[in-house]
Amino acid sequence: MNRRGMTLIELLIAVALVSLLSVGMLHSIRVGLGALEGVQRRVTDSRRALGAQRILELQLNSLLPLRANCIASGGAPGGPRALFAGEMNMMRFVTRYSLEGGMRGTPQIVELWAAPGERGQGVRLLMNEIPWRGAVGAAPFCGPPPVPGPMPPMVLQAPQPLPSTFVLADRIGATVFAYQERSRLAEPANAWLPRWGRDDAWPWAVRVEILPGPASSASAQPVGVTARLGVTKPPGDQYAY
């Protein structure tokens, strides 16, 4: 009786084909997992960007036009000054909204500034929340007035990282702050200013632009926050909250 079986060559061919199929399946699974991880990373980054955008909108829309009772050299009273500082990469103001208490929390002095990221990877947008303790308690935030005047603008020290510092955005390209004056009826809308240096008015609107980092995809768009402050009182008037 003749019995047909597999030769050694046929067995080797079958093993080689199974190995090739296994390698192809593993490669496909690895590519799929890498694509899934990339999608999850982009979704996470988008959620963080939207969260930071929402926080900035709430803080700016809840700005309080408060003043600090500054102290001049020698301990003499330096007079009240509007507690608002606006630079191209730093901003400080008082708001009713806080991360801990939301709209029901106590007023906070908010510091926003851009700092280098960890290991030199991009830029971070950092935020400090310091409880508001009245105009007298805000005196340490005062700096020497740059020019004489009835209410010179605040010249503040650079913000410092604290244990409670919150990272609003990480591994971004840059953060740019801009400020707009209130336009007059006979004049067109004013352009955005890189620095707020007026001492007789509050900004009409504030814009925060978060640019994507170099590691982001080419289709990533900047995250922009434009908030109208809606403050009508001049800096010299007392405001009760």
Protein backbone atom coordinates (compact mmCIF):
# COMPACT_ATOMS: atom_id res chain seq x y z
CA MET A 1 0.00 0.00 0.00
CA ASN A 2 1.46 3.35 -1.06
CA ARG A 3 1.47 6.15 1.53
CA ARG A 4 1.96 9.73 0.46
CA GLY A 5 3.56 12.15 2.92
CA MET A 6 5.32 15.51 3.05
CA THR A 7 8.87 15.79 1.99
CA LEU A 8 11.40 17.83 3.95
CA ILE A 9 11.42 20.55 1.31
CA GLU A 10 7.62 20.93 1.48
CA LEU A 11 7.81 21.15 5.27
CA LEU A 12 10.47 23.87 5.08
CA ILE A 13 8.40 25.81 2.57
CA ALA A 14 5.31 25.60 4.83
CA VAL A 15 7.29 26.79 7.85
CA ALA A 16 8.74 29.70 5.83
CA LEU A 17 5.28 30.75 4.65
CA VAL A 18 3.89 30.66 8.20
CA SER A 19 6.86 32.73 9.40
CA LEU A 20 6.30 35.33 6.67
CA LEU A 21 2.60 35.55 7.54
CA SER A 22 3.44 35.98 11.24
CA VAL A 23 5.96 38.74 10.52
CA GLY A 24 3.45 40.52 8.29
CA MET A 25 0.73 40.31 10.95
CA LEU A 26 3.06 41.59 13.68
CA HIS A 27 4.14 44.51 11.48
CA SER A 28 0.52 45.40 10.74
CA ILE A 29 -0.38 45.26 14.44
CA ARG A 30 2.62 47.46 15.31
CA VAL A 31 1.66 50.03 12.66
CA GLY A 32 -1.92 50.04 13.89
CA LEU A 33 -0.90 50.51 17.53
CA GLY A 34 1.45 53.34 16.54
CA ALA A 35 -1.31 55.10 14.62
CA LEU A 36 -3.71 54.63 17.56
CA GLU A 37 -1.15 56.06 19.96
CA GLY A 38 -0.64 59.07 17.68
CA VAL A 39 -4.39 59.68 17.49
CA GLN A 40 -4.73 59.40 21.26
CA ARG A 41 -1.84 61.84 21.72
CA ARG A 42 -3.43 64.37 19.38
CA VAL A 43 -6.79 63.98 21.11
CA THR A 44 -5.15 64.52 24.51
CA ASP A 45 -3.29 67.59 23.25
CA SER A 46 -6.51 68.97 21.77
CA ARG A 47 -8.35 68.45 25.06
CA ARG A 48 -5.58 70.18 26.98
CA ALA A 49 -5.60 73.09 24.53
CA LEU A 50 -9.38 73.42 24.80
CA GLY A 51 -9.15 73.24 28.60
CA ALA A 52 -6.51 75.95 28.68
CA GLN A 53 -8.60 78.06 26.31
CA ARG A 54 -11.65 77.71 28.53
CA ILE A 55 -9.71 78.63 31.68
CA LEU A 56 -8.22 81.72 30.04
CA GLU A 57 -11.62 82.85 28.78
CA LEU A 58 -13.22 82.52 32.22
CA GLN A 59 -10.37 84.31 33.95
CA LEU A 60 -10.25 87.21 31.52
CA ASN A 61 -14.03 87.60 31.40
CA SER A 62 -14.04 87.74 35.22
CA LEU A 63 -11.28 90.36 35.52
CA LEU A 64 -11.64 92.71 38.49
CA PRO A 65 -10.41 96.32 38.08
CA LEU A 66 -8.67 96.43 41.46
CA ARG A 67 -5.76 98.54 42.65
CA ALA A 68 -2.73 97.98 44.85
CA ASN A 69 -1.60 100.45 47.49
CA CYS A 70 2.07 100.68 46.64
CA ILE A 71 4.89 101.75 48.93
CA ALA A 72 7.59 104.07 47.68
CA SER A 73 11.25 103.94 48.69
CA GLY A 74 11.84 104.61 52.37
CA GLY A 75 8.45 103.22 53.36
CA ALA A 76 6.48 106.26 52.22
CA PRO A 77 3.11 105.65 50.56
CA GLY A 78 3.47 105.38 46.82
CA GLY A 79 -0.19 105.71 45.97
CA PRO A 80 -2.66 103.32 44.37
CA ARG A 81 -1.95 101.77 41.00
CA ALA A 82 -3.99 99.57 38.74
CA LEU A 83 -3.12 95.93 39.33
CA PHE A 84 -2.66 94.97 35.70
CA ALA A 85 0.57 94.19 33.87
CA GLY A 86 0.61 93.27 30.22
CA GLU A 87 3.74 92.27 28.32
CA MET A 88 4.32 90.20 25.21
CA ASN A 89 5.05 87.00 27.16
CA MET A 90 3.68 87.81 30.64
CA MET A 91 0.44 89.06 32.13
CA ARG A 92 -0.79 89.69 35.67
CA PHE A 93 -4.29 90.69 36.77
CA VAL A 94 -6.99 90.06 39.39
CA THR A 95 -9.91 87.81 38.55
CA ARG A 96 -12.99 86.45 40.24
CA TYR A 97 -12.51 82.98 38.70
CA SER A 98 -10.14 80.46 40.26
CA LEU A 99 -9.27 76.85 39.48
CA GLU A 100 -10.17 75.70 42.96
CA GLY A 101 -13.43 77.55 43.53
CA GLY A 102 -14.57 78.46 40.04
CA MET A 103 -16.83 81.51 39.97
CA ARG A 104 -17.65 81.00 43.66
CA GLY A 105 -14.06 81.28 44.83
CA THR A 106 -12.29 84.25 46.30
CA PRO A 107 -10.53 86.75 43.99
CA GLN A 108 -7.11 85.66 42.81
CA ILE A 109 -4.06 87.44 41.46
CA VAL A 110 -3.29 85.49 38.28
CA GLU A 111 0.18 85.36 36.76
CA LEU A 112 0.55 84.00 33.24
CA TRP A 113 3.93 83.67 31.60
CA ALA A 114 5.89 81.60 29.10
CA ALA A 115 8.87 79.54 30.29
CA PRO A 116 11.20 77.03 28.61
CA GLY A 117 9.89 73.48 28.63
CA GLU A 118 11.53 70.50 30.28
CA ARG A 119 14.70 69.27 28.58
CA GLY A 120 14.51 72.21 26.23
CA GLN A 121 11.41 70.84 24.47
CA GLY A 122 9.31 73.79 23.36
CA VAL A 123 7.70 76.33 25.68
CA ARG A 124 5.38 76.04 28.65
CA LEU A 125 2.49 78.34 29.56
CA LEU A 126 2.54 78.56 33.36
CA MET A 127 0.01 80.07 35.74
CA ASN A 128 0.11 81.13 39.38
CA GLU A 129 -2.98 81.87 41.46
CA ILE A 130 -2.30 84.02 44.52
CA PRO A 131 -5.21 84.86 46.88
CA TRP A 132 -6.23 88.51 46.84
CA ARG A 133 -5.70 90.03 50.29
CA GLY A 134 -6.76 93.58 49.60
CA ALA A 135 -5.03 96.63 48.18
CA VAL A 136 -2.55 96.74 51.08
CA GLY A 137 -1.74 93.04 50.77
CA ALA A 138 -1.02 93.54 47.06
CA ALA A 139 1.73 96.09 47.82
CA PRO A 140 4.57 93.53 47.38
CA PHE A 141 3.55 93.22 43.72
CA CYS A 142 4.37 96.86 43.10
CA GLY A 143 7.55 97.96 41.43
CA PRO A 144 9.14 101.37 40.94
CA PRO A 145 7.05 103.59 38.66
CA PRO A 146 8.71 104.07 35.26
CA VAL A 147 7.45 107.63 34.78
CA PRO A 148 5.91 110.14 37.17
CA GLY A 149 2.17 110.47 37.02
CA PRO A 150 -1.03 110.36 39.09
CA MET A 151 -1.31 106.59 38.62
CA PRO A 152 1.70 105.09 36.83
CA PRO A 153 1.32 101.58 35.43
CA MET A 154 2.50 98.61 37.40
CA VAL A 155 6.10 97.48 36.89
CA LEU A 156 6.16 94.04 38.44
CA GLN A 157 8.78 91.46 39.15
CA ALA A 158 8.96 88.45 36.88
CA PRO A 159 6.70 85.59 38.05
CA GLN A 160 8.42 82.74 39.84
CA PRO A 161 7.44 79.05 39.76
CA LEU A 162 5.70 77.91 42.94
CA PRO A 163 4.74 74.44 44.23
CA SER A 164 1.18 75.26 43.16
CA THR A 165 2.13 76.49 39.67
CA PHE A 166 -0.23 75.06 37.07
CA VAL A 167 0.91 74.11 33.56
CA LEU A 168 -1.75 75.35 31.15
CA ALA A 169 0.07 74.21 28.00
CA ASP A 170 3.24 72.21 27.43
CA ARG A 171 5.59 71.58 24.49
CA ILE A 172 4.14 74.49 22.51
CA GLY A 173 5.96 76.77 20.11
CA ALA A 174 5.26 80.12 21.78
CA THR A 175 2.67 82.14 23.67
CA VAL A 176 1.94 85.70 22.57
CA PHE A 177 -0.16 88.21 24.54
CA ALA A 178 -1.69 91.25 22.84
CA TYR A 179 -3.84 94.12 24.09
CA GLN A 180 -6.36 96.37 22.38
CA GLU A 181 -7.40 99.89 23.27
CA ARG A 182 -10.99 101.06 23.23
CA SER A 183 -11.61 102.65 19.84
CA ARG A 184 -13.18 106.07 19.62
CA LEU A 185 -16.21 106.83 17.49
CA ALA A 186 -14.25 109.01 15.06
CA GLU A 187 -11.38 106.54 14.76
CA PRO A 188 -11.16 103.02 13.35
CA ALA A 189 -10.52 100.08 15.63
CA ASN A 190 -7.05 100.23 17.10
CA ALA A 191 -4.47 97.58 16.33
CA TRP A 192 -3.32 95.04 18.86
CA LEU A 193 -0.46 96.23 21.05
CA PRO A 194 2.36 93.95 22.25
CA ARG A 195 2.52 95.78 25.59
CA TRP A 196 -0.01 97.63 27.72
CA GLY A 197 1.63 100.82 28.97
CA ARG A 198 -1.34 103.09 29.62
CA ASP A 199 -2.09 104.24 33.15
CA ASP A 200 -5.43 105.95 32.48
CA ALA A 201 -7.43 103.06 31.04
CA TRP A 202 -7.85 99.30 31.10
CA PRO A 203 -7.46 97.23 27.94
CA TRP A 204 -10.60 96.93 25.85
CA ALA A 205 -9.74 93.34 24.97
CA VAL A 206 -6.93 90.82 25.52
CA ARG A 207 -5.75 88.14 23.12
CA VAL A 208 -3.69 85.05 24.04
CA GLU A 209 -2.32 83.05 21.13
CA ILE A 210 -0.79 79.60 21.72
CA LEU A 211 1.33 78.50 18.77
CA PRO A 212 1.91 74.76 18.20
CA GLY A 213 5.36 73.34 18.83
CA PRO A 214 7.76 71.93 16.25
CA ALA A 215 6.77 68.36 17.17
CA SER A 216 3.11 69.00 16.33
CA SER A 217 1.61 67.88 13.06
CA ALA A 218 1.67 70.23 10.10
CA SER A 219 -2.12 70.55 10.29
CA ALA A 220 -2.07 71.79 13.91
CA GLN A 221 -3.62 75.23 14.21
CA PRO A 222 -2.84 77.92 16.81
CA VAL A 223 -5.20 78.13 19.77
CA GLY A 224 -6.44 81.67 20.16
CA VAL A 225 -8.32 83.24 23.06
CA THR A 226 -9.76 86.71 22.55
CA ALA A 227 -11.69 88.09 25.52
CA ARG A 228 -13.37 91.45 25.87
CA LEU A 229 -12.79 92.67 29.40
CA GLY A 230 -15.83 94.92 29.62
CA VAL A 231 -14.30 97.13 32.32
CA THR A 232 -15.88 100.59 32.23
CA LYS A 233 -14.44 102.17 35.38
CA PRO A 234 -11.21 104.14 34.94
CA PRO A 235 -8.23 102.90 36.98
CA GLY A 236 -8.54 105.82 39.37
CA ASP A 237 -12.00 104.87 40.59
CA GLN A 238 -12.47 102.59 43.56
CA TYR A 239 -14.12 99.28 42.70
CA ALA A 240 -16.13 97.23 45.20
CA TYR A 241 -16.60 93.54 44.37
